[in-house]
Amino acid sequence: MLLQEKETGNLVKVMDFQSLINPNESEIIIQIQAGQEEQDPEPRRKNNLSFPSGENLPICWLDANYRYR
């Protein structure tokens, strides 16, 4: 699955989808899809990512207590 970094606009590949949808995980392992060489996987905070359309990630993926907001 591809997402986009909010600050840079770079596309990133999500390496573990289960950690993306787990609201108890604040970071996920991604691989930046910029440049000609394949980049090394690295951790990134989920709240700094969005869908390529610019839409934010669902709150239920980010906050385990979203029902109590």
PDB file of N, CA and C in Angstrom:
ATOM      1  N   MET A   1       0.849  -1.163   0.000  1.00  0.00           N
ATOM      2  CA  MET A   1       0.000   0.000   0.000  1.00  0.00           C
ATOM      3  C   MET A   1       0.899   1.231   0.000  1.00  0.00           C
ATOM      4  N   LEU A   2       0.537   2.216  -0.796  1.00  0.00           N
ATOM      5  CA  LEU A   2       1.290   3.455  -0.861  1.00  0.00           C
ATOM      6  C   LEU A   2       0.572   4.552  -0.096  1.00  0.00           C
ATOM      7  N   LEU A   3       1.337   5.304   0.681  1.00  0.00           N
ATOM      8  CA  LEU A   3       0.844   6.484   1.372  1.00  0.00           C
ATOM      9  C   LEU A   3       1.758   7.643   0.997  1.00  0.00           C
ATOM     10  N   GLN A   4       1.458   8.821   1.523  1.00  0.00           N
ATOM     11  CA  GLN A   4       2.240  10.004   1.213  1.00  0.00           C
ATOM     12  C   GLN A   4       2.678  10.693   2.500  1.00  0.00           C
ATOM     13  N   GLU A   5       3.937  11.133   2.536  1.00  0.00           N
ATOM     14  CA  GLU A   5       4.411  11.922   3.668  1.00  0.00           C
ATOM     15  C   GLU A   5       3.830  13.319   3.548  1.00  0.00           C
ATOM     16  N   LYS A   6       3.291  13.833   4.648  1.00  0.00           N
ATOM     17  CA  LYS A   6       2.648  15.149   4.619  1.00  0.00           C
ATOM     18  C   LYS A   6       3.657  16.269   4.360  1.00  0.00           C
ATOM     19  N   GLU A   7       4.842  16.203   4.990  1.00  0.00           N
ATOM     20  CA  GLU A   7       5.812  17.297   4.863  1.00  0.00           C
ATOM     21  C   GLU A   7       6.463  17.364   3.483  1.00  0.00           C
ATOM     22  N   THR A   8       6.863  16.204   2.964  1.00  0.00           N
ATOM     23  CA  THR A   8       7.641  16.188   1.724  1.00  0.00           C
ATOM     24  C   THR A   8       6.805  15.892   0.482  1.00  0.00           C
ATOM     25  N   GLY A   9       5.678  15.218   0.653  1.00  0.00           N
ATOM     26  CA  GLY A   9       4.876  14.818  -0.495  1.00  0.00           C
ATOM     27  C   GLY A   9       5.378  13.541  -1.150  1.00  0.00           C
ATOM     28  N   ASN A  10       6.447  12.940  -0.592  1.00  0.00           N
ATOM     29  CA  ASN A  10       6.985  11.693  -1.147  1.00  0.00           C
ATOM     30  C   ASN A  10       6.027  10.541  -0.912  1.00  0.00           C
ATOM     31  N   LEU A  11       5.937   9.657  -1.892  1.00  0.00           N
ATOM     32  CA  LEU A  11       5.178   8.427  -1.704  1.00  0.00           C
ATOM     33  C   LEU A  11       6.024   7.449  -0.903  1.00  0.00           C
ATOM     34  N   VAL A  12       5.361   6.696  -0.025  1.00  0.00           N
ATOM     35  CA  VAL A  12       6.040   5.693   0.781  1.00  0.00           C
ATOM     36  C   VAL A  12       5.263   4.389   0.698  1.00  0.00           C
ATOM     37  N   LYS A  13       5.989   3.299   0.720  1.00  0.00           N
ATOM     38  CA  LYS A  13       5.381   1.970   0.691  1.00  0.00           C
ATOM     39  C   LYS A  13       5.288   1.446   2.116  1.00  0.00           C
ATOM     40  N   VAL A  14       4.104   1.035   2.536  1.00  0.00           N
ATOM     41  CA  VAL A  14       3.899   0.479   3.866  1.00  0.00           C
ATOM     42  C   VAL A  14       4.371  -0.977   3.844  1.00  0.00           C
ATOM     43  N   MET A  15       5.292  -1.314   4.747  1.00  0.00           N
ATOM     44  CA  MET A  15       5.872  -2.646   4.759  1.00  0.00           C
ATOM     45  C   MET A  15       5.039  -3.637   5.575  1.00  0.00           C
ATOM     46  N   ASP A  16       4.242  -3.135   6.538  1.00  0.00           N
ATOM     47  CA  ASP A  16       3.434  -4.012   7.388  1.00  0.00           C
ATOM     48  C   ASP A  16       2.054  -3.391   7.569  1.00  0.00           C
ATOM     49  N   PHE A  17       1.088  -3.873   6.816  1.00  0.00           N
ATOM     50  CA  PHE A  17      -0.265  -3.320   6.837  1.00  0.00           C
ATOM     51  C   PHE A  17      -0.919  -3.472   8.205  1.00  0.00           C
ATOM     52  N   GLN A  18      -0.654  -4.560   8.919  1.00  0.00           N
ATOM     53  CA  GLN A  18      -1.271  -4.779  10.227  1.00  0.00           C
ATOM     54  C   GLN A  18      -0.872  -3.694  11.221  1.00  0.00           C
ATOM     55  N   SER A  19       0.377  -3.253  11.192  1.00  0.00           N
ATOM     56  CA  SER A  19       0.781  -2.173  12.104  1.00  0.00           C
ATOM     57  C   SER A  19       0.159  -0.845  11.693  1.00  0.00           C
ATOM     58  N   LEU A  20      -0.150  -0.676  10.420  1.00  0.00           N
ATOM     59  CA  LEU A  20      -0.809   0.549   9.953  1.00  0.00           C
ATOM     60  C   LEU A  20      -2.206   0.680  10.535  1.00  0.00           C
ATOM     61  N   ILE A  21      -2.968  -0.384  10.550  1.00  0.00           N
ATOM     62  CA  ILE A  21      -4.349  -0.304  11.023  1.00  0.00           C
ATOM     63  C   ILE A  21      -4.481  -0.529  12.522  1.00  0.00           C
ATOM     64  N   ASN A  22      -3.389  -0.875  13.192  1.00  0.00           N
ATOM     65  CA  ASN A  22      -3.401  -1.089  14.641  1.00  0.00           C
ATOM     66  C   ASN A  22      -3.293   0.270  15.344  1.00  0.00           C
ATOM     67  N   PRO A  23      -4.336   0.726  16.054  1.00  0.00           N
ATOM     68  CA  PRO A  23      -4.283   2.042  16.689  1.00  0.00           C
ATOM     69  C   PRO A  23      -3.315   2.124  17.868  1.00  0.00           C
ATOM     70  N   ASN A  24      -2.827   1.004  18.347  1.00  0.00           N
ATOM     71  CA  ASN A  24      -1.861   1.010  19.451  1.00  0.00           C
ATOM     72  C   ASN A  24      -0.425   1.193  18.976  1.00  0.00           C
ATOM     73  N   GLU A  25      -0.215   1.172  17.683  1.00  0.00           N
ATOM     74  CA  GLU A  25       1.111   1.394  17.096  1.00  0.00           C
ATOM     75  C   GLU A  25       1.193   2.840  16.614  1.00  0.00           C
ATOM     76  N   SER A  26       2.169   3.615  17.108  1.00  0.00           N
ATOM     77  CA  SER A  26       2.299   5.004  16.668  1.00  0.00           C
ATOM     78  C   SER A  26       3.257   5.141  15.484  1.00  0.00           C
ATOM     79  N   GLU A  27       4.094   4.126  15.264  1.00  0.00           N
ATOM     80  CA  GLU A  27       5.036   4.149  14.148  1.00  0.00           C
ATOM     81  C   GLU A  27       4.852   2.906  13.291  1.00  0.00           C
ATOM     82  N   ILE A  28       5.172   3.051  12.020  1.00  0.00           N
ATOM     83  CA  ILE A  28       5.156   1.904  11.106  1.00  0.00           C
ATOM     84  C   ILE A  28       6.460   1.912  10.309  1.00  0.00           C
ATOM     85  N   ILE A  29       6.777   0.779   9.717  1.00  0.00           N
ATOM     86  CA  ILE A  29       7.967   0.669   8.872  1.00  0.00           C
ATOM     87  C   ILE A  29       7.535   0.967   7.434  1.00  0.00           C
ATOM     88  N   ILE A  30       8.223   1.942   6.834  1.00  0.00           N
ATOM     89  CA  ILE A  30       7.915   2.334   5.457  1.00  0.00           C
ATOM     90  C   ILE A  30       9.183   2.281   4.611  1.00  0.00           C
ATOM     91  N   GLN A  31       8.982   2.362   3.308  1.00  0.00           N
ATOM     92  CA  GLN A  31      10.095   2.441   2.372  1.00  0.00           C
ATOM     93  C   GLN A  31       9.783   3.607   1.433  1.00  0.00           C
ATOM     94  N   ILE A  32      10.626   4.630   1.450  1.00  0.00           N
ATOM     95  CA  ILE A  32      10.394   5.823   0.635  1.00  0.00           C
ATOM     96  C   ILE A  32      10.554   5.462  -0.837  1.00  0.00           C
ATOM     97  N   GLN A  33       9.620   5.932  -1.649  1.00  0.00           N
ATOM     98  CA  GLN A  33       9.616   5.641  -3.077  1.00  0.00           C
ATOM     99  C   GLN A  33      10.094   6.862  -3.868  1.00  0.00           C
ATOM    100  N   ALA A  34      11.283   7.348  -3.541  1.00  0.00           N
ATOM    101  CA  ALA A  34      11.865   8.500  -4.228  1.00  0.00           C
ATOM    102  C   ALA A  34      13.278   8.144  -4.659  1.00  0.00           C
ATOM    103  N   GLY A  35      13.695   8.680  -5.767  1.00  0.00           N
ATOM    104  CA  GLY A  35      15.029   8.389  -6.272  1.00  0.00           C
ATOM    105  C   GLY A  35      15.022   7.146  -7.151  1.00  0.00           C
ATOM    106  N   GLN A  36      16.173   6.843  -7.703  1.00  0.00           N
ATOM    107  CA  GLN A  36      16.263   5.715  -8.618  1.00  0.00           C
ATOM    108  C   GLN A  36      16.603   4.413  -7.917  1.00  0.00           C
ATOM    109  N   GLU A  37      17.261   4.490  -6.775  1.00  0.00           N
ATOM    110  CA  GLU A  37      17.606   3.284  -6.026  1.00  0.00           C
ATOM    111  C   GLU A  37      16.556   3.006  -4.964  1.00  0.00           C
ATOM    112  N   GLU A  38      16.337   1.729  -4.677  1.00  0.00           N
ATOM    113  CA  GLU A  38      15.391   1.359  -3.633  1.00  0.00           C
ATOM    114  C   GLU A  38      15.952   1.775  -2.275  1.00  0.00           C
ATOM    115  N   GLN A  39      15.126   2.457  -1.504  1.00  0.00           N
ATOM    116  CA  GLN A  39      15.536   2.971  -0.194  1.00  0.00           C
ATOM    117  C   GLN A  39      15.386   1.889   0.871  1.00  0.00           C
ATOM    118  N   ASP A  40      16.146   2.035   1.952  1.00  0.00           N
ATOM    119  CA  ASP A  40      16.057   1.101   3.079  1.00  0.00           C
ATOM    120  C   ASP A  40      14.779   1.372   3.870  1.00  0.00           C
ATOM    121  N   PRO A  41      14.139   0.319   4.395  1.00  0.00           N
ATOM    122  CA  PRO A  41      12.973   0.522   5.262  1.00  0.00           C
ATOM    123  C   PRO A  41      13.360   1.295   6.524  1.00  0.00           C
ATOM    124  N   GLU A  42      12.459   2.150   6.977  1.00  0.00           N
ATOM    125  CA  GLU A  42      12.700   2.941   8.176  1.00  0.00           C
ATOM    126  C   GLU A  42      11.379   3.253   8.876  1.00  0.00           C
ATOM    127  N   PRO A  43      11.433   3.504  10.180  1.00  0.00           N
ATOM    128  CA  PRO A  43      10.193   3.812  10.918  1.00  0.00           C
ATOM    129  C   PRO A  43       9.751   5.250  10.677  1.00  0.00           C
ATOM    130  N   ARG A  44       8.439   5.452  10.658  1.00  0.00           N
ATOM    131  CA  ARG A  44       7.843   6.788  10.558  1.00  0.00           C
ATOM    132  C   ARG A  44       6.597   6.829  11.430  1.00  0.00           C
ATOM    133  N   ARG A  45       6.293   7.992  11.984  1.00  0.00           N
ATOM    134  CA  ARG A  45       5.076   8.173  12.767  1.00  0.00           C
ATOM    135  C   ARG A  45       3.884   8.190  11.826  1.00  0.00           C
ATOM    136  N   LYS A  46       2.831   7.489  12.213  1.00  0.00           N
ATOM    137  CA  LYS A  46       1.644   7.383  11.364  1.00  0.00           C
ATOM    138  C   LYS A  46       0.941   8.724  11.185  1.00  0.00           C
ATOM    139  N   ASN A  47       0.982   9.594  12.197  1.00  0.00           N
ATOM    140  CA  ASN A  47       0.259  10.854  12.062  1.00  0.00           C
ATOM    141  C   ASN A  47       0.919  11.817  11.072  1.00  0.00           C
ATOM    142  N   ASN A  48       2.105  11.466  10.538  1.00  0.00           N
ATOM    143  CA  ASN A  48       2.763  12.268   9.512  1.00  0.00           C
ATOM    144  C   ASN A  48       2.497  11.734   8.109  1.00  0.00           C
ATOM    145  N   LEU A  49       1.565  10.780   7.993  1.00  0.00           N
ATOM    146  CA  LEU A  49       1.252  10.167   6.703  1.00  0.00           C
ATOM    147  C   LEU A  49      -0.201  10.420   6.327  1.00  0.00           C
ATOM    148  N   SER A  50      -0.467  10.401   5.033  1.00  0.00           N
ATOM    149  CA  SER A  50      -1.834  10.536   4.527  1.00  0.00           C
ATOM    150  C   SER A  50      -1.963   9.670   3.278  1.00  0.00           C
ATOM    151  N   PHE A  51      -3.183   9.566   2.781  1.00  0.00           N
ATOM    152  CA  PHE A  51      -3.393   8.879   1.513  1.00  0.00           C
ATOM    153  C   PHE A  51      -2.857   9.768   0.389  1.00  0.00           C
ATOM    154  N   PRO A  52      -2.472   9.202  -0.760  1.00  0.00           N
ATOM    155  CA  PRO A  52      -1.959  10.017  -1.861  1.00  0.00           C
ATOM    156  C   PRO A  52      -2.934  11.106  -2.327  1.00  0.00           C
ATOM    157  N   SER A  53      -4.220  10.932  -2.074  1.00  0.00           N
ATOM    158  CA  SER A  53      -5.210  11.945  -2.441  1.00  0.00           C
ATOM    159  C   SER A  53      -5.163  13.156  -1.512  1.00  0.00           C
ATOM    160  N   GLY A  54      -4.416  13.044  -0.390  1.00  0.00           N
ATOM    161  CA  GLY A  54      -4.338  14.122   0.586  1.00  0.00           C
ATOM    162  C   GLY A  54      -5.245  13.909   1.779  1.00  0.00           C
ATOM    163  N   GLU A  55      -6.092  12.891   1.708  1.00  0.00           N
ATOM    164  CA  GLU A  55      -7.007  12.586   2.810  1.00  0.00           C
ATOM    165  C   GLU A  55      -6.224  11.991   3.981  1.00  0.00           C
ATOM    166  N   ASN A  56      -6.559  12.434   5.191  1.00  0.00           N
ATOM    167  CA  ASN A  56      -5.896  11.909   6.394  1.00  0.00           C
ATOM    168  C   ASN A  56      -6.266  10.447   6.613  1.00  0.00           C
ATOM    169  N   LEU A  57      -5.405   9.750   7.362  1.00  0.00           N
ATOM    170  CA  LEU A  57      -5.700   8.368   7.740  1.00  0.00           C
ATOM    171  C   LEU A  57      -6.895   8.358   8.689  1.00  0.00           C
ATOM    172  N   PRO A  58      -7.679   7.289   8.682  1.00  0.00           N
ATOM    173  CA  PRO A  58      -8.820   7.208   9.613  1.00  0.00           C
ATOM    174  C   PRO A  58      -8.359   7.301  11.062  1.00  0.00           C
ATOM    175  N   ILE A  59      -9.112   8.006  11.870  1.00  0.00           N
ATOM    176  CA  ILE A  59      -8.759   8.197  13.276  1.00  0.00           C
ATOM    177  C   ILE A  59      -8.693   6.873  14.028  1.00  0.00           C
ATOM    178  N   CYS A  60      -9.483   5.885  13.598  1.00  0.00           N
ATOM    179  CA  CYS A  60      -9.465   4.579  14.271  1.00  0.00           C
ATOM    180  C   CYS A  60      -8.152   3.833  14.005  1.00  0.00           C
ATOM    181  N   TRP A  61      -7.332   4.269  13.053  1.00  0.00           N
ATOM    182  CA  TRP A  61      -6.008   3.696  12.827  1.00  0.00           C
ATOM    183  C   TRP A  61      -4.962   4.380  13.698  1.00  0.00           C
ATOM    184  N   LEU A  62      -5.286   5.568  14.218  1.00  0.00           N
ATOM    185  CA  LEU A  62      -4.311   6.378  14.939  1.00  0.00           C
ATOM    186  C   LEU A  62      -4.521   6.416  16.447  1.00  0.00           C
ATOM    187  N   ASP A  63      -5.770   6.306  16.892  1.00  0.00           N
ATOM    188  CA  ASP A  63      -6.095   6.498  18.305  1.00  0.00           C
ATOM    189  C   ASP A  63      -7.000   5.372  18.796  1.00  0.00           C
ATOM    190  N   ALA A  64      -6.497   4.578  19.739  1.00  0.00           N
ATOM    191  CA  ALA A  64      -7.275   3.453  20.266  1.00  0.00           C
ATOM    192  C   ALA A  64      -8.508   3.922  21.031  1.00  0.00           C
ATOM    193  N   ASN A  65      -8.509   5.157  21.511  1.00  0.00           N
ATOM    194  CA  ASN A  65      -9.626   5.707  22.277  1.00  0.00           C
ATOM    195  C   ASN A  65     -10.487   6.654  21.440  1.00  0.00           C
ATOM    196  N   TYR A  66     -10.527   6.455  20.136  1.00  0.00           N
ATOM    197  CA  TYR A  66     -11.257   7.380  19.263  1.00  0.00           C
ATOM    198  C   TYR A  66     -12.742   7.471  19.595  1.00  0.00           C
ATOM    199  N   ARG A  67     -13.316   6.457  20.170  1.00  0.00           N
ATOM    200  CA  ARG A  67     -14.762   6.481  20.497  1.00  0.00           C
ATOM    201  C   ARG A  67     -15.075   7.446  21.623  1.00  0.00           C
ATOM    202  N   TYR A  68     -14.086   7.781  22.432  1.00  0.00           N
ATOM    203  CA  TYR A  68     -14.311   8.618  23.606  1.00  0.00           C
ATOM    204  C   TYR A  68     -13.938  10.071  23.386  1.00  0.00           C
ATOM    205  N   ARG A  69     -13.697  10.466  22.163  1.00  0.00           N
ATOM    206  CA  ARG A  69     -13.341  11.858  21.848  1.00  0.00           C
ATOM    207  C   ARG A  69     -14.555  12.720  21.788  1.00  0.00           C
TER     208      ARG A  69
END
